[in-house]
N, C-alpha and C. Protein backbone atom coordinates (compact mmCIF):
# COMPACT_ATOMS: atom_id res chain seq x y z
N MET A 1 0.62 -1.28 0.49
CA MET A 1 0.13 -0.04 0.07
C MET A 1 0.86 1.01 -0.08
N ARG A 2 1.78 1.15 0.96
CA ARG A 2 2.77 2.48 0.80
C ARG A 2 3.56 2.72 -0.81
N GLY A 3 3.46 2.08 -1.55
CA GLY A 3 4.18 1.88 -3.27
C GLY A 3 3.11 2.66 -3.51
N LYS A 4 1.64 2.66 -3.64
CA LYS A 4 0.93 3.20 -4.19
C LYS A 4 0.45 4.20 -3.53
N ASN A 5 1.12 5.08 -2.90
CA ASN A 5 1.06 6.03 -1.79
C ASN A 5 -0.40 6.46 -1.69
N TYR A 6 -1.10 5.71 -0.91
CA TYR A 6 -2.12 5.17 -0.45
C TYR A 6 -2.63 5.50 1.18
N ASP A 7 -2.89 6.89 1.10
CA ASP A 7 -2.84 7.49 2.93
C ASP A 7 -3.92 6.16 3.52
N ILE A 8 -3.45 6.35 4.71
CA ILE A 8 -3.71 4.81 5.40
C ILE A 8 -4.08 5.97 6.66
N LYS A 9 -3.77 6.85 6.75
CA LYS A 9 -3.90 8.16 8.16
C LYS A 9 -5.57 8.08 8.27
N GLU A 10 -5.80 8.00 9.81
CA GLU A 10 -7.70 8.43 9.94
C GLU A 10 -8.44 7.15 9.24
N LYS A 11 -7.96 5.79 8.69
CA LYS A 11 -8.57 5.46 7.77
C LYS A 11 -9.41 4.06 9.06
N LYS A 12 -9.92 3.65 8.23
CA LYS A 12 -10.50 2.11 9.13
C LYS A 12 -10.32 1.12 8.23
N ILE A 13 -9.65 0.30 9.18
CA ILE A 13 -9.33 -1.16 8.19
C ILE A 13 -9.82 -2.16 8.59
N PHE A 14 -10.55 -2.54 7.93
CA PHE A 14 -10.91 -4.36 8.20
C PHE A 14 -10.44 -5.30 7.53
N ILE A 15 -9.39 -6.25 8.73
CA ILE A 15 -8.76 -7.61 7.76
C ILE A 15 -9.43 -8.50 8.29
N LEU A 16 -9.35 -9.27 7.24
CA LEU A 16 -9.96 -10.69 7.18
C LEU A 16 -9.07 -11.49 7.05
N GLY A 17 -9.16 -12.40 8.29
CA GLY A 17 -7.75 -12.97 8.47
C GLY A 17 -7.09 -13.20 10.30
N ALA A 18 -6.31 -14.26 10.45
CA ALA A 18 -5.57 -13.54 11.81
C ALA A 18 -4.31 -14.69 11.96
N GLY A 19 -4.00 -15.36 10.89
CA GLY A 19 -2.62 -15.67 10.52
C GLY A 19 -1.38 -15.22 10.86
N GLY A 20 -0.30 -15.58 10.41
CA GLY A 20 1.01 -15.36 10.83
C GLY A 20 1.32 -14.16 10.26
N VAL A 21 0.24 -13.52 9.08
CA VAL A 21 0.82 -12.35 8.63
C VAL A 21 0.29 -11.15 9.06
N VAL A 22 -0.80 -11.32 10.09
CA VAL A 22 -1.57 -10.27 10.56
C VAL A 22 -1.13 -9.67 11.43
N PRO A 23 0.07 -9.65 12.54
CA PRO A 23 0.50 -9.37 13.49
C PRO A 23 1.32 -8.27 12.80
N SER A 24 1.92 -8.53 11.75
CA SER A 24 3.23 -7.72 10.73
C SER A 24 1.96 -6.62 10.36
N ILE A 25 1.12 -7.13 10.01
CA ILE A 25 0.47 -5.88 9.02
C ILE A 25 -0.56 -5.11 9.72
N ILE A 26 -1.15 -5.73 11.30
CA ILE A 26 -1.30 -4.64 12.13
C ILE A 26 -0.32 -3.78 12.64
N LEU A 27 0.58 -4.22 12.81
CA LEU A 27 2.00 -3.22 13.63
C LEU A 27 2.29 -2.27 12.54
N ALA A 28 2.11 -2.94 11.21
CA ALA A 28 2.83 -1.73 9.85
C ALA A 28 1.25 -0.74 9.82
N LEU A 29 0.19 -1.09 9.94
CA LEU A 29 -0.96 -0.07 9.81
C LEU A 29 -1.08 0.84 10.88
N LYS A 30 -0.44 0.60 12.14
CA LYS A 30 -0.41 1.67 13.11
C LYS A 30 0.52 2.47 13.34
N LYS A 31 1.44 1.91 12.83
CA LYS A 31 2.80 3.04 12.08
C LYS A 31 2.54 3.82 11.34
N MET A 32 1.63 3.23 10.49
CA MET A 32 1.25 4.47 8.97
C MET A 32 0.07 5.14 9.69
N GLY A 33 -0.60 4.90 11.03
CA GLY A 33 -1.22 6.41 11.36
C GLY A 33 -3.26 5.67 11.51
N ALA A 34 -3.18 4.56 11.07
CA ALA A 34 -4.45 3.79 10.81
C ALA A 34 -5.33 4.16 12.09
N ASN A 35 -6.75 5.09 11.61
CA ASN A 35 -7.62 5.00 12.89
C ASN A 35 -8.07 3.82 13.42
N LYS A 36 -8.62 3.21 12.77
CA LYS A 36 -9.18 1.56 13.48
C LYS A 36 -9.29 0.72 13.29
N ILE A 37 -9.20 -0.48 13.58
CA ILE A 37 -8.52 -1.78 12.58
C ILE A 37 -9.56 -2.70 13.07
N ILE A 38 -10.54 -3.49 12.52
CA ILE A 38 -10.89 -4.45 12.98
C ILE A 38 -10.77 -6.04 12.37
N LEU A 39 -10.83 -6.62 13.30
CA LEU A 39 -10.38 -8.01 12.41
C LEU A 39 -11.47 -9.29 12.68
N SER A 40 -11.99 -9.75 11.34
CA SER A 40 -12.69 -11.25 11.82
C SER A 40 -12.18 -12.66 10.98
N ASN A 41 -12.35 -13.34 11.55
CA ASN A 41 -11.21 -14.21 11.29
C ASN A 41 -12.61 -15.90 11.72
N ARG A 42 -12.59 -16.77 10.35
CA ARG A 42 -13.08 -18.33 10.98
C ARG A 42 -13.14 -18.82 12.24
N THR A 43 -12.08 -18.33 12.95
CA THR A 43 -11.71 -19.37 13.89
C THR A 43 -11.92 -18.07 14.99
N LYS A 44 -13.21 -17.69 15.73
CA LYS A 44 -12.83 -16.17 16.46
C LYS A 44 -11.60 -16.26 17.46
N LYS A 45 -11.38 -17.79 17.97
CA LYS A 45 -10.50 -17.66 19.12
C LYS A 45 -9.25 -17.69 18.75
N LYS A 46 -9.06 -17.70 17.62
CA LYS A 46 -7.41 -17.12 16.95
C LYS A 46 -7.59 -15.55 16.72
N ALA A 47 -8.81 -14.90 16.43
CA ALA A 47 -8.69 -13.40 16.46
C ALA A 47 -8.68 -12.93 17.89
N GLU A 48 -9.54 -13.49 18.82
CA GLU A 48 -9.09 -13.27 20.42
C GLU A 48 -7.93 -12.81 20.77
N GLN A 49 -7.26 -13.70 20.46
CA GLN A 49 -5.81 -14.22 20.98
C GLN A 49 -4.72 -12.63 20.40
N LEU A 50 -4.72 -12.10 19.31
CA LEU A 50 -4.67 -10.99 18.55
C LEU A 50 -4.70 -9.98 19.28
N LYS A 51 -6.01 -9.89 20.01
CA LYS A 51 -6.43 -8.62 20.88
C LYS A 51 -5.85 -8.45 21.89
N LYS A 52 -5.36 -9.91 22.70
CA LYS A 52 -4.65 -9.85 23.87
C LYS A 52 -3.13 -9.07 23.33
N ILE A 53 -2.45 -9.06 22.43
CA ILE A 53 -1.16 -8.34 21.77
C ILE A 53 -1.61 -6.71 21.09
N PHE A 54 -2.87 -6.65 20.57
CA PHE A 54 -3.42 -5.43 20.24
C PHE A 54 -4.02 -4.86 20.93
N SER A 55 -3.99 -4.28 21.85
CA SER A 55 -5.79 -4.15 22.92
C SER A 55 -6.84 -3.30 22.15
N ASN A 56 -6.53 -2.24 21.60
CA ASN A 56 -7.92 -1.35 20.66
C ASN A 56 -7.97 -2.27 19.46
N LEU A 57 -7.97 -3.07 19.29
CA LEU A 57 -8.27 -4.17 17.75
C LEU A 57 -9.68 -4.38 18.06
N GLU A 58 -10.51 -4.02 17.29
CA GLU A 58 -12.32 -4.48 17.53
C GLU A 58 -12.46 -6.20 16.45
N ILE A 59 -12.86 -6.80 17.53
CA ILE A 59 -13.34 -8.01 16.57
C ILE A 59 -14.62 -8.13 16.29
N VAL A 60 -14.48 -9.09 15.23
CA VAL A 60 -16.52 -8.82 14.77
C VAL A 60 -16.26 -10.50 14.35
N ASP A 61 -17.91 -10.52 14.07
CA ASP A 61 -17.92 -12.43 14.13
C ASP A 61 -17.55 -12.35 12.04
N TRP A 62 -17.11 -14.16 12.09
CA TRP A 62 -17.04 -14.09 10.44
C TRP A 62 -18.62 -13.95 9.99
N GLY A 63 -17.98 -13.15 8.69
CA GLY A 63 -19.20 -13.18 7.86
C GLY A 63 -20.09 -11.68 8.10
N GLU A 64 -19.56 -10.93 8.95
CA GLU A 64 -20.30 -9.80 9.42
C GLU A 64 -19.50 -8.32 9.20
N THR A 65 -19.66 -7.46 8.22
CA THR A 65 -19.20 -6.65 7.55
C THR A 65 -19.43 -5.33 8.20
N PRO A 66 -18.18 -4.80 8.87
CA PRO A 66 -18.43 -3.20 9.16
C PRO A 66 -17.83 -2.01 8.67
N GLU A 67 -18.38 -0.92 8.85
CA GLU A 67 -18.30 0.09 7.95
C GLU A 67 -16.22 0.13 7.93
N PHE A 68 -15.93 0.40 6.67
CA PHE A 68 -14.24 0.68 6.62
C PHE A 68 -14.14 1.33 5.33
N ASN A 69 -12.68 1.89 5.26
CA ASN A 69 -12.38 2.46 4.27
C ASN A 69 -11.41 1.42 3.16
N ILE A 70 -10.46 0.13 4.12
CA ILE A 70 -9.69 -0.25 3.44
C ILE A 70 -9.98 -1.92 3.80
N ILE A 71 -9.90 -2.92 3.06
CA ILE A 71 -10.26 -4.50 4.00
C ILE A 71 -8.67 -4.98 2.99
N ILE A 72 -8.69 -5.99 3.55
CA ILE A 72 -7.48 -6.55 3.30
C ILE A 72 -7.77 -8.34 3.88
N ASN A 73 -7.65 -8.92 2.91
CA ASN A 73 -7.72 -10.33 2.73
C ASN A 73 -6.39 -10.86 2.91
N ALA A 74 -6.33 -11.43 4.65
CA ALA A 74 -4.91 -12.42 4.58
C ALA A 74 -5.46 -13.50 4.99
N THR A 75 -6.60 -13.93 4.54
CA THR A 75 -6.97 -15.37 4.72
C THR A 75 -5.99 -16.40 3.63
N SER A 76 -6.36 -17.70 3.32
CA SER A 76 -5.91 -18.59 2.29
C SER A 76 -6.89 -18.56 1.42
N LEU A 77 -8.30 -17.73 1.42
CA LEU A 77 -9.13 -18.17 0.61
C LEU A 77 -8.82 -17.06 -0.71
N GLY A 78 -8.85 -17.66 -1.82
CA GLY A 78 -8.21 -16.86 -2.96
C GLY A 78 -7.53 -17.74 -4.22
N LEU A 79 -6.60 -18.59 -3.29
CA LEU A 79 -5.37 -19.52 -3.65
C LEU A 79 -6.16 -20.32 -4.63
N ASN A 80 -7.43 -20.77 -4.57
CA ASN A 80 -7.62 -21.61 -5.70
C ASN A 80 -9.30 -20.84 -6.26
N LYS A 81 -8.92 -21.15 -7.58
CA LYS A 81 -10.22 -20.38 -8.40
C LYS A 81 -11.69 -20.51 -7.81
N GLU A 82 -12.10 -21.57 -6.96
CA GLU A 82 -13.21 -21.66 -6.20
C GLU A 82 -13.50 -20.96 -5.33
N ASP A 83 -12.52 -20.31 -4.39
CA ASP A 83 -12.71 -19.64 -3.31
C ASP A 83 -13.58 -18.65 -3.61
N GLU A 84 -14.22 -18.05 -2.09
CA GLU A 84 -15.16 -17.26 -2.45
C GLU A 84 -15.34 -16.34 -1.23
N ILE A 85 -14.94 -15.24 -0.61
CA ILE A 85 -15.32 -14.53 0.53
C ILE A 85 -16.41 -13.99 -0.22
N LYS A 86 -17.29 -14.16 1.19
CA LYS A 86 -18.58 -13.86 1.08
C LYS A 86 -18.89 -12.69 1.35
N LEU A 87 -19.22 -11.76 0.71
CA LEU A 87 -19.30 -9.91 0.55
C LEU A 87 -20.37 -9.68 -0.07
N ASN A 88 -21.37 -9.00 0.36
CA ASN A 88 -22.28 -8.25 -0.86
C ASN A 88 -21.74 -6.96 -1.25
N TYR A 89 -20.94 -6.98 -2.39
CA TYR A 89 -20.21 -6.11 -3.09
C TYR A 89 -20.74 -4.98 -3.37
N ALA A 90 -22.05 -5.06 -3.77
CA ALA A 90 -22.73 -4.04 -4.27
C ALA A 90 -23.23 -2.65 -3.34
N ASP A 91 -23.29 -3.60 -1.67
CA ASP A 91 -23.94 -2.26 -0.87
C ASP A 91 -22.83 -2.27 -0.56
N LEU A 92 -22.12 -2.32 -0.16
CA LEU A 92 -20.50 -1.65 0.56
C LEU A 92 -19.68 -0.48 -0.51
N GLY A 93 -20.38 -0.16 -1.58
CA GLY A 93 -19.87 0.82 -2.37
C GLY A 93 -18.71 0.99 -2.93
N PRO A 94 -18.58 2.02 -3.82
CA PRO A 94 -16.89 2.26 -4.44
C PRO A 94 -16.08 2.87 -3.67
N ASN A 95 -14.91 3.41 -4.55
CA ASN A 95 -13.97 3.91 -3.64
C ASN A 95 -13.62 3.72 -2.50
N LYS A 96 -13.44 2.26 -1.89
CA LYS A 96 -12.59 1.29 -0.99
C LYS A 96 -11.40 0.80 -1.72
N LEU A 97 -10.51 1.02 -0.61
CA LEU A 97 -9.25 -0.63 -1.11
C LEU A 97 -9.58 -1.55 -1.25
N PHE A 98 -9.50 -2.59 -1.87
CA PHE A 98 -9.01 -4.01 -1.48
C PHE A 98 -8.17 -4.60 -1.47
N TYR A 99 -7.30 -5.39 -0.45
CA TYR A 99 -6.31 -5.37 -0.88
C TYR A 99 -6.32 -7.20 -0.50
N ASP A 100 -5.22 -7.54 -1.38
CA ASP A 100 -5.01 -9.05 -1.07
C ASP A 100 -3.95 -9.72 -0.70
N VAL A 101 -3.79 -10.33 0.08
CA VAL A 101 -2.10 -10.78 0.46
C VAL A 101 -1.47 -11.56 -0.60
N ILE A 102 -2.74 -12.73 -1.65
CA ILE A 102 -2.68 -13.36 -2.54
C ILE A 102 -1.39 -12.66 -3.12
N TYR A 103 -1.05 -13.15 -4.09
CA TYR A 103 -0.46 -12.83 -5.13
C TYR A 103 -0.32 -13.44 -6.40
N ASN A 104 -0.68 -14.61 -5.96
CA ASN A 104 -0.96 -15.52 -7.40
C ASN A 104 -2.37 -16.65 -7.17
N PRO A 105 -3.07 -16.31 -7.83
CA PRO A 105 -2.88 -15.89 -9.15
C PRO A 105 -3.16 -14.37 -8.72
N LYS A 106 -2.85 -13.63 -9.65
CA LYS A 106 -2.66 -11.96 -9.42
C LYS A 106 -4.15 -11.26 -9.36
N GLN A 107 -5.26 -12.03 -9.94
CA GLN A 107 -6.64 -11.20 -9.48
C GLN A 107 -7.43 -12.26 -9.21
N THR A 108 -7.63 -12.46 -7.57
CA THR A 108 -8.40 -13.34 -7.26
C THR A 108 -10.19 -12.76 -6.86
N LYS A 109 -10.75 -13.62 -7.19
CA LYS A 109 -12.73 -12.98 -7.00
C LYS A 109 -12.75 -12.37 -6.19
N PHE A 110 -12.22 -11.90 -5.00
CA PHE A 110 -12.23 -11.10 -4.44
C PHE A 110 -12.09 -9.43 -4.74
N LEU A 111 -10.71 -9.44 -4.99
CA LEU A 111 -10.27 -8.10 -6.23
C LEU A 111 -11.17 -8.14 -7.19
N SER A 112 -11.05 -8.85 -8.10
CA SER A 112 -11.95 -9.07 -9.70
C SER A 112 -13.64 -8.25 -8.98
N LYS A 113 -14.14 -8.54 -8.01
CA LYS A 113 -15.09 -8.35 -7.54
C LYS A 113 -15.51 -6.33 -7.16
N ALA A 114 -14.71 -6.79 -6.10
CA ALA A 114 -14.42 -4.79 -5.90
C ALA A 114 -14.01 -4.13 -7.23
N LYS A 115 -13.49 -4.57 -7.91
CA LYS A 115 -13.00 -3.97 -9.07
C LYS A 115 -14.60 -3.44 -10.10
N GLN A 116 -15.24 -4.55 -9.76
CA GLN A 116 -16.32 -4.05 -10.77
C GLN A 116 -17.44 -2.86 -10.39
N PHE A 117 -17.35 -2.85 -8.91
CA PHE A 117 -17.96 -2.09 -8.04
C PHE A 117 -17.09 -0.90 -7.66
N GLY A 118 -16.02 -0.70 -8.93
CA GLY A 118 -15.31 0.47 -8.58
C GLY A 118 -14.69 1.09 -7.07
N ASN A 119 -14.20 -0.32 -6.65
CA ASN A 119 -13.22 0.08 -5.70
C ASN A 119 -11.77 -0.14 -6.37
N GLN A 120 -10.49 0.40 -5.73
CA GLN A 120 -9.21 -0.51 -6.22
C GLN A 120 -8.27 -1.13 -5.13
N THR A 121 -8.16 -2.03 -6.02
CA THR A 121 -7.51 -3.05 -5.68
C THR A 121 -6.18 -3.12 -6.59
N GLU A 122 -5.57 -4.20 -5.04
CA GLU A 122 -3.76 -4.23 -4.87
C GLU A 122 -3.81 -5.68 -4.68
N ASN A 123 -3.05 -6.51 -5.28
CA ASN A 123 -2.49 -7.58 -4.83
C ASN A 123 -1.20 -8.09 -3.51
N GLY A 124 -1.01 -8.97 -3.25
CA GLY A 124 -0.10 -9.11 -2.50
C GLY A 124 1.44 -9.10 -3.53
N LYS A 125 1.67 -8.90 -4.67
CA LYS A 125 3.20 -9.19 -4.65
C LYS A 125 3.96 -8.60 -4.57
N MET A 126 4.09 -6.74 -4.15
CA MET A 126 4.86 -5.67 -3.93
C MET A 126 5.38 -6.28 -2.26
N MET A 127 3.91 -6.88 -1.40
CA MET A 127 4.43 -7.04 0.13
C MET A 127 5.70 -8.41 -0.17
N PHE A 128 5.40 -9.76 -1.30
CA PHE A 128 6.03 -10.57 -1.49
C PHE A 128 7.35 -10.25 -2.08
N ILE A 129 7.65 -9.13 -2.55
CA ILE A 129 9.09 -8.76 -2.96
C ILE A 129 9.33 -7.96 -2.04
N TYR A 130 9.05 -6.90 -0.80
CA TYR A 130 9.48 -6.13 -0.15
C TYR A 130 9.74 -7.44 1.49
N GLN A 131 9.40 -8.54 1.39
CA GLN A 131 9.48 -9.68 2.23
C GLN A 131 11.23 -10.53 1.55
N ALA A 132 10.99 -11.08 0.74
CA ALA A 132 12.26 -11.25 -0.03
C ALA A 132 13.14 -10.40 0.08
N HIS A 133 13.13 -9.43 -0.17
CA HIS A 133 14.34 -7.93 -0.13
C HIS A 133 14.27 -8.06 1.72
N GLN A 134 13.84 -8.02 1.68
CA GLN A 134 14.16 -7.88 3.91
C GLN A 134 14.80 -9.44 3.96
N ALA A 135 14.56 -10.16 3.58
CA ALA A 135 14.88 -11.58 3.81
C ALA A 135 16.63 -11.37 3.38
N PHE A 136 16.77 -11.33 2.23
CA PHE A 136 18.25 -11.18 1.38
C PHE A 136 18.79 -10.32 2.36
N THR A 137 18.04 -9.23 2.68
CA THR A 137 19.19 -8.27 3.15
C THR A 137 20.23 -8.89 4.64
N LEU A 138 19.20 -9.48 5.44
CA LEU A 138 19.75 -10.17 6.69
C LEU A 138 20.61 -11.12 6.10
N TRP A 139 20.63 -12.12 5.27
CA TRP A 139 20.76 -13.32 5.48
C TRP A 139 22.20 -12.72 4.28
N HIS A 140 22.54 -12.41 3.85
CA HIS A 140 23.51 -11.81 2.70
C HIS A 140 24.04 -10.23 2.96
N LYS A 141 23.79 -9.62 3.85
CA LYS A 141 24.19 -7.78 4.29
C LYS A 141 24.43 -7.17 3.17
N VAL A 142 23.67 -7.58 2.03
CA VAL A 142 23.36 -6.61 0.63
C VAL A 142 22.26 -6.31 0.59
N MET A 143 21.68 -4.88 0.57
CA MET A 143 20.57 -4.29 0.03
C MET A 143 20.80 -4.40 -1.61
N PRO A 144 19.65 -5.74 -1.71
CA PRO A 144 19.31 -5.51 -3.46
C PRO A 144 18.46 -4.08 -3.53
N LYS A 145 18.30 -3.74 -5.21
CA LYS A 145 17.73 -2.54 -5.54
C LYS A 145 16.28 -3.18 -5.69
N ILE A 146 15.05 -2.56 -5.81
CA ILE A 146 14.27 -2.66 -6.43
C ILE A 146 13.69 -2.01 -7.04
N ASP A 147 13.65 -2.39 -8.72
CA ASP A 147 13.37 -1.17 -9.55
C ASP A 147 11.92 -1.97 -10.44
N GLU A 148 11.49 -1.44 -11.37
CA GLU A 148 11.01 -1.74 -12.10
C GLU A 148 10.85 -2.98 -12.98
N GLU A 149 12.34 -3.06 -13.49
CA GLU A 149 12.89 -4.44 -13.67
C GLU A 149 12.76 -5.44 -13.02
N THR A 150 12.83 -5.47 -12.07
CA THR A 150 12.72 -6.68 -10.70
C THR A 150 11.13 -7.17 -10.85
N ILE A 151 10.39 -5.72 -10.35
CA ILE A 151 9.07 -6.07 -10.50
C ILE A 151 8.22 -6.65 -11.32
N LYS A 152 9.17 -6.64 -12.89
CA LYS A 152 8.38 -7.22 -13.92
C LYS A 152 8.49 -8.43 -14.15
N LEU A 153 9.87 -8.92 -13.43
CA LEU A 153 10.35 -10.24 -13.74
C LEU A 153 9.01 -11.40 -12.83
N LEU A 154 8.63 -10.96 -12.01
CA LEU A 154 7.21 -11.70 -10.93
C LEU A 154 6.02 -11.72 -11.87
N ASP A 155 5.98 -10.42 -12.69
CA ASP A 155 4.48 -10.40 -13.80
C ASP A 155 4.31 -12.26 -14.74
């Protein structure tokens, strides 16, 4: 999201999922000034465990859709073509950001449906690139350059 210059400040963020990547996402969103972070997970107990770490996190039941500016799919739903996240896209309105941590396939049903209703979308490709960049730097003590050519290699 940072690469797209999308302003997080004062935004309401809705995260789907509570797996391994979510604590890092929450921490990054807090650093960028997110106003409110709401979390929903198929297993509510897992979401509640994250609330112990991030006390001002709001938890809602799976299937409930709160008001938001940005929604992040941090679940595995979308890895398979038949996977679908049950949202009423028409009722959500346009001009929101839909972000999917999944980068393959590039266009999940979650992203394509959001785009159909006038929303901005982004997949997890850049997150993947920056994770690899950080790992490479830690292992090799060399900071590789991330440029358009490098990014295009993953298309």
